[in-house]
Amino acid sequence: MGRAMDLRPVCLVVSAVLGLGGCATLDHGITDDMPVVSDPPGASISSSTGTICTSPCIVSGPRRESFVVTVAKPGYVTQAVVAVAKPNEGAVAAASSTDLTPDILGRIVDVQDGTYYTHVPAAIVVKLVPTK
């Protein structure tokens, strides 16, 4: 009687290929960094995601969710800008293709965790208006 071949290494490689082949999550992450600039600079920036900083700065938010960025400076009218989460049309088209290549599981994960989303606008630039 012959010995059975150990298939564990083969299973490991196949699992890795199936699970990570299309995984944009590894490249892009599930959060999106958005530059915030005010004119004049030095405004207080706060976001509904919890970021607090002074402009110019970077605000981060989950790719799949919209969030609000508030720009405030004494002597100026406070402004709020909504960063709207929208599907990146090219990435979604690629993910929904009927091509059943080995990276299908990775593409499903990318859609579910929000990697295929982006925010509009891509950067927030606010010209503050003086109060009267």
C-alpha atoms as a PDB file:
ATOM      1  CA  MET A   1       0.000   0.000   0.000  1.00  0.00           C
ATOM      2  CA  GLY A   2       1.254   3.440  -0.898  1.00  0.00           C
ATOM      3  CA  ARG A   3       1.231   6.471   1.344  1.00  0.00           C
ATOM      4  CA  ALA A   4      -1.343   9.171   0.766  1.00  0.00           C
ATOM      5  CA  MET A   5       0.035  12.427  -0.610  1.00  0.00           C
ATOM      6  CA  ASP A   6      -0.056  15.379   1.829  1.00  0.00           C
ATOM      7  CA  LEU A   7      -2.307  17.956   0.132  1.00  0.00           C
ATOM      8  CA  ARG A   8      -2.044  20.625   2.838  1.00  0.00           C
ATOM      9  CA  PRO A   9       0.549  22.764   0.995  1.00  0.00           C
ATOM     10  CA  VAL A  10      -1.520  22.619  -2.189  1.00  0.00           C
ATOM     11  CA  CYS A  11      -4.687  23.615  -0.305  1.00  0.00           C
ATOM     12  CA  LEU A  12      -2.863  26.526   1.314  1.00  0.00           C
ATOM     13  CA  VAL A  13      -1.680  27.914  -2.029  1.00  0.00           C
ATOM     14  CA  VAL A  14      -5.101  27.470  -3.650  1.00  0.00           C
ATOM     15  CA  SER A  15      -6.805  29.195  -0.713  1.00  0.00           C
ATOM     16  CA  ALA A  16      -4.424  32.131  -0.924  1.00  0.00           C
ATOM     17  CA  VAL A  17      -4.992  32.525  -4.658  1.00  0.00           C
ATOM     18  CA  LEU A  18      -8.772  32.310  -4.341  1.00  0.00           C
ATOM     19  CA  GLY A  19      -9.003  34.598  -1.348  1.00  0.00           C
ATOM     20  CA  LEU A  20      -6.563  37.362  -2.215  1.00  0.00           C
ATOM     21  CA  GLY A  21      -6.293  37.424  -5.981  1.00  0.00           C
ATOM     22  CA  GLY A  22      -8.534  40.473  -6.413  1.00  0.00           C
ATOM     23  CA  CYS A  23      -8.147  41.963  -2.986  1.00  0.00           C
ATOM     24  CA  ALA A  24      -7.928  45.717  -3.535  1.00  0.00           C
ATOM     25  CA  THR A  25      -8.472  46.050   0.201  1.00  0.00           C
ATOM     26  CA  LEU A  26      -4.795  45.269   0.660  1.00  0.00           C
ATOM     27  CA  ASP A  27      -3.821  48.089  -1.734  1.00  0.00           C
ATOM     28  CA  HIS A  28      -6.390  50.771  -0.878  1.00  0.00           C
ATOM     29  CA  GLY A  29      -7.601  49.958   2.619  1.00  0.00           C
ATOM     30  CA  ILE A  30     -11.123  50.517   3.883  1.00  0.00           C
ATOM     31  CA  THR A  31     -10.610  54.182   4.781  1.00  0.00           C
ATOM     32  CA  ASP A  32     -10.142  57.178   2.514  1.00  0.00           C
ATOM     33  CA  ASP A  33      -7.826  60.094   3.322  1.00  0.00           C
ATOM     34  CA  MET A  34      -9.148  63.484   2.234  1.00  0.00           C
ATOM     35  CA  PRO A  35      -7.112  66.716   2.230  1.00  0.00           C
ATOM     36  CA  VAL A  36      -8.855  69.720   3.791  1.00  0.00           C
ATOM     37  CA  VAL A  37      -7.627  73.228   2.977  1.00  0.00           C
ATOM     38  CA  SER A  38      -9.086  76.525   4.110  1.00  0.00           C
ATOM     39  CA  ASP A  39      -8.491  80.094   2.951  1.00  0.00           C
ATOM     40  CA  PRO A  40      -7.304  81.567   5.230  1.00  0.00           C
ATOM     41  CA  PRO A  41      -5.411  78.612   6.689  1.00  0.00           C
ATOM     42  CA  GLY A  42      -5.485  77.756  10.390  1.00  0.00           C
ATOM     43  CA  ALA A  43      -9.176  76.919  10.634  1.00  0.00           C
ATOM     44  CA  SER A  44     -10.404  74.288  13.079  1.00  0.00           C
ATOM     45  CA  ILE A  45     -11.453  71.152  11.224  1.00  0.00           C
ATOM     46  CA  SER A  46     -13.739  68.521  12.700  1.00  0.00           C
ATOM     47  CA  SER A  47     -15.454  65.602  11.044  1.00  0.00           C
ATOM     48  CA  SER A  48     -18.323  63.323  11.878  1.00  0.00           C
ATOM     49  CA  THR A  49     -15.740  60.495  11.827  1.00  0.00           C
ATOM     50  CA  GLY A  50     -14.011  62.002  14.863  1.00  0.00           C
ATOM     51  CA  THR A  51     -11.040  63.700  13.220  1.00  0.00           C
ATOM     52  CA  ILE A  52     -10.031  67.042  14.719  1.00  0.00           C
ATOM     53  CA  CYS A  53      -7.180  69.049  13.184  1.00  0.00           C
ATOM     54  CA  THR A  54      -6.097  72.502  11.970  1.00  0.00           C
ATOM     55  CA  SER A  55      -6.106  73.278   8.247  1.00  0.00           C
ATOM     56  CA  PRO A  56      -4.415  72.317   6.089  1.00  0.00           C
ATOM     57  CA  CYS A  57      -4.777  68.708   7.231  1.00  0.00           C
ATOM     58  CA  ILE A  58      -5.995  65.247   6.296  1.00  0.00           C
ATOM     59  CA  VAL A  59      -9.361  63.816   7.391  1.00  0.00           C
ATOM     60  CA  SER A  60      -9.984  60.071   7.234  1.00  0.00           C
ATOM     61  CA  GLY A  61     -13.286  58.285   6.871  1.00  0.00           C
ATOM     62  CA  PRO A  62     -14.634  54.876   5.956  1.00  0.00           C
ATOM     63  CA  ARG A  63     -14.761  54.523   2.169  1.00  0.00           C
ATOM     64  CA  ARG A  64     -18.284  53.123   2.257  1.00  0.00           C
ATOM     65  CA  GLU A  65     -19.842  55.922   4.357  1.00  0.00           C
ATOM     66  CA  SER A  66     -20.501  59.600   3.718  1.00  0.00           C
ATOM     67  CA  PHE A  67     -19.335  62.018   6.403  1.00  0.00           C
ATOM     68  CA  VAL A  68     -19.456  65.731   7.256  1.00  0.00           C
ATOM     69  CA  VAL A  69     -16.419  68.003   7.598  1.00  0.00           C
ATOM     70  CA  THR A  70     -16.900  71.278   9.504  1.00  0.00           C
ATOM     71  CA  VAL A  71     -14.524  74.205   8.956  1.00  0.00           C
ATOM     72  CA  ALA A  72     -14.546  76.975  11.601  1.00  0.00           C
ATOM     73  CA  LYS A  73     -12.389  79.990  12.391  1.00  0.00           C
ATOM     74  CA  PRO A  74     -13.130  82.949  14.688  1.00  0.00           C
ATOM     75  CA  GLY A  75     -14.349  85.940  12.661  1.00  0.00           C
ATOM     76  CA  TYR A  76     -15.577  83.729   9.803  1.00  0.00           C
ATOM     77  CA  VAL A  77     -18.807  81.904   8.977  1.00  0.00           C
ATOM     78  CA  THR A  78     -18.582  78.197   9.867  1.00  0.00           C
ATOM     79  CA  GLN A  79     -19.042  75.938   6.867  1.00  0.00           C
ATOM     80  CA  ALA A  80     -19.902  72.249   6.574  1.00  0.00           C
ATOM     81  CA  VAL A  81     -19.100  70.065   3.585  1.00  0.00           C
ATOM     82  CA  VAL A  82     -20.470  66.563   3.004  1.00  0.00           C
ATOM     83  CA  ALA A  83     -18.025  63.996   1.628  1.00  0.00           C
ATOM     84  CA  VAL A  84     -20.379  61.654  -0.228  1.00  0.00           C
ATOM     85  CA  ALA A  85     -19.401  57.995  -0.594  1.00  0.00           C
ATOM     86  CA  LYS A  86     -19.964  56.841  -4.170  1.00  0.00           C
ATOM     87  CA  PRO A  87     -19.055  53.626  -5.932  1.00  0.00           C
ATOM     88  CA  ASN A  88     -16.018  53.955  -8.166  1.00  0.00           C
ATOM     89  CA  GLU A  89     -17.719  52.988 -11.430  1.00  0.00           C
ATOM     90  CA  GLY A  90     -14.673  51.397 -13.055  1.00  0.00           C
ATOM     91  CA  ALA A  91     -13.875  49.249 -10.035  1.00  0.00           C
ATOM     92  CA  VAL A  92     -17.480  48.147  -9.594  1.00  0.00           C
ATOM     93  CA  ALA A  93     -17.704  47.204 -13.281  1.00  0.00           C
ATOM     94  CA  ALA A  94     -14.583  45.082 -12.915  1.00  0.00           C
ATOM     95  CA  ALA A  95     -15.915  43.476  -9.745  1.00  0.00           C
ATOM     96  CA  SER A  96     -19.238  42.615 -11.307  1.00  0.00           C
ATOM     97  CA  SER A  97     -17.845  41.114 -14.486  1.00  0.00           C
ATOM     98  CA  THR A  98     -19.019  37.631 -15.349  1.00  0.00           C
ATOM     99  CA  ASP A  99     -15.404  36.481 -15.551  1.00  0.00           C
ATOM    100  CA  LEU A 100     -15.105  33.674 -12.983  1.00  0.00           C
ATOM    101  CA  THR A 101     -11.352  33.974 -12.500  1.00  0.00           C
ATOM    102  CA  PRO A 102      -9.805  32.758  -9.242  1.00  0.00           C
ATOM    103  CA  ASP A 103      -9.933  36.247  -7.722  1.00  0.00           C
ATOM    104  CA  ILE A 104     -13.755  36.246  -7.475  1.00  0.00           C
ATOM    105  CA  LEU A 105     -13.702  35.873  -3.671  1.00  0.00           C
ATOM    106  CA  GLY A 106     -11.324  38.814  -3.344  1.00  0.00           C
ATOM    107  CA  ARG A 107     -13.603  40.944  -5.505  1.00  0.00           C
ATOM    108  CA  ILE A 108     -16.608  40.033  -3.366  1.00  0.00           C
ATOM    109  CA  VAL A 109     -14.701  41.060  -0.228  1.00  0.00           C
ATOM    110  CA  ASP A 110     -13.672  44.353  -1.844  1.00  0.00           C
ATOM    111  CA  VAL A 111     -17.266  45.255  -2.662  1.00  0.00           C
ATOM    112  CA  GLN A 112     -18.514  44.304   0.805  1.00  0.00           C
ATOM    113  CA  ASP A 113     -15.867  46.192   2.796  1.00  0.00           C
ATOM    114  CA  GLY A 114     -16.172  49.381   0.746  1.00  0.00           C
ATOM    115  CA  THR A 115     -12.866  49.315  -1.112  1.00  0.00           C
ATOM    116  CA  TYR A 116     -14.700  50.072  -4.358  1.00  0.00           C
ATOM    117  CA  TYR A 117     -16.047  53.349  -2.935  1.00  0.00           C
ATOM    118  CA  THR A 118     -14.520  56.804  -3.140  1.00  0.00           C
ATOM    119  CA  HIS A 119     -15.549  60.194  -1.743  1.00  0.00           C
ATOM    120  CA  VAL A 120     -16.829  63.190  -3.683  1.00  0.00           C
ATOM    121  CA  PRO A 121     -15.278  65.694  -3.506  1.00  0.00           C
ATOM    122  CA  ALA A 122     -11.827  64.075  -3.381  1.00  0.00           C
ATOM    123  CA  ALA A 123     -10.482  67.118  -1.503  1.00  0.00           C
ATOM    124  CA  ILE A 124     -12.232  69.830   0.487  1.00  0.00           C
ATOM    125  CA  VAL A 125     -11.212  73.420  -0.252  1.00  0.00           C
ATOM    126  CA  VAL A 126     -13.139  76.098   1.633  1.00  0.00           C
ATOM    127  CA  LYS A 127     -12.926  79.873   1.164  1.00  0.00           C
ATOM    128  CA  LEU A 128     -14.063  81.224   4.501  1.00  0.00           C
ATOM    129  CA  VAL A 129     -16.376  84.252   4.477  1.00  0.00           C
ATOM    130  CA  PRO A 130     -15.828  86.930   7.162  1.00  0.00           C
ATOM    131  CA  THR A 131     -18.700  87.546   9.570  1.00  0.00           C
ATOM    132  CA  LYS A 132     -20.275  90.995   9.429  1.00  0.00           C
END
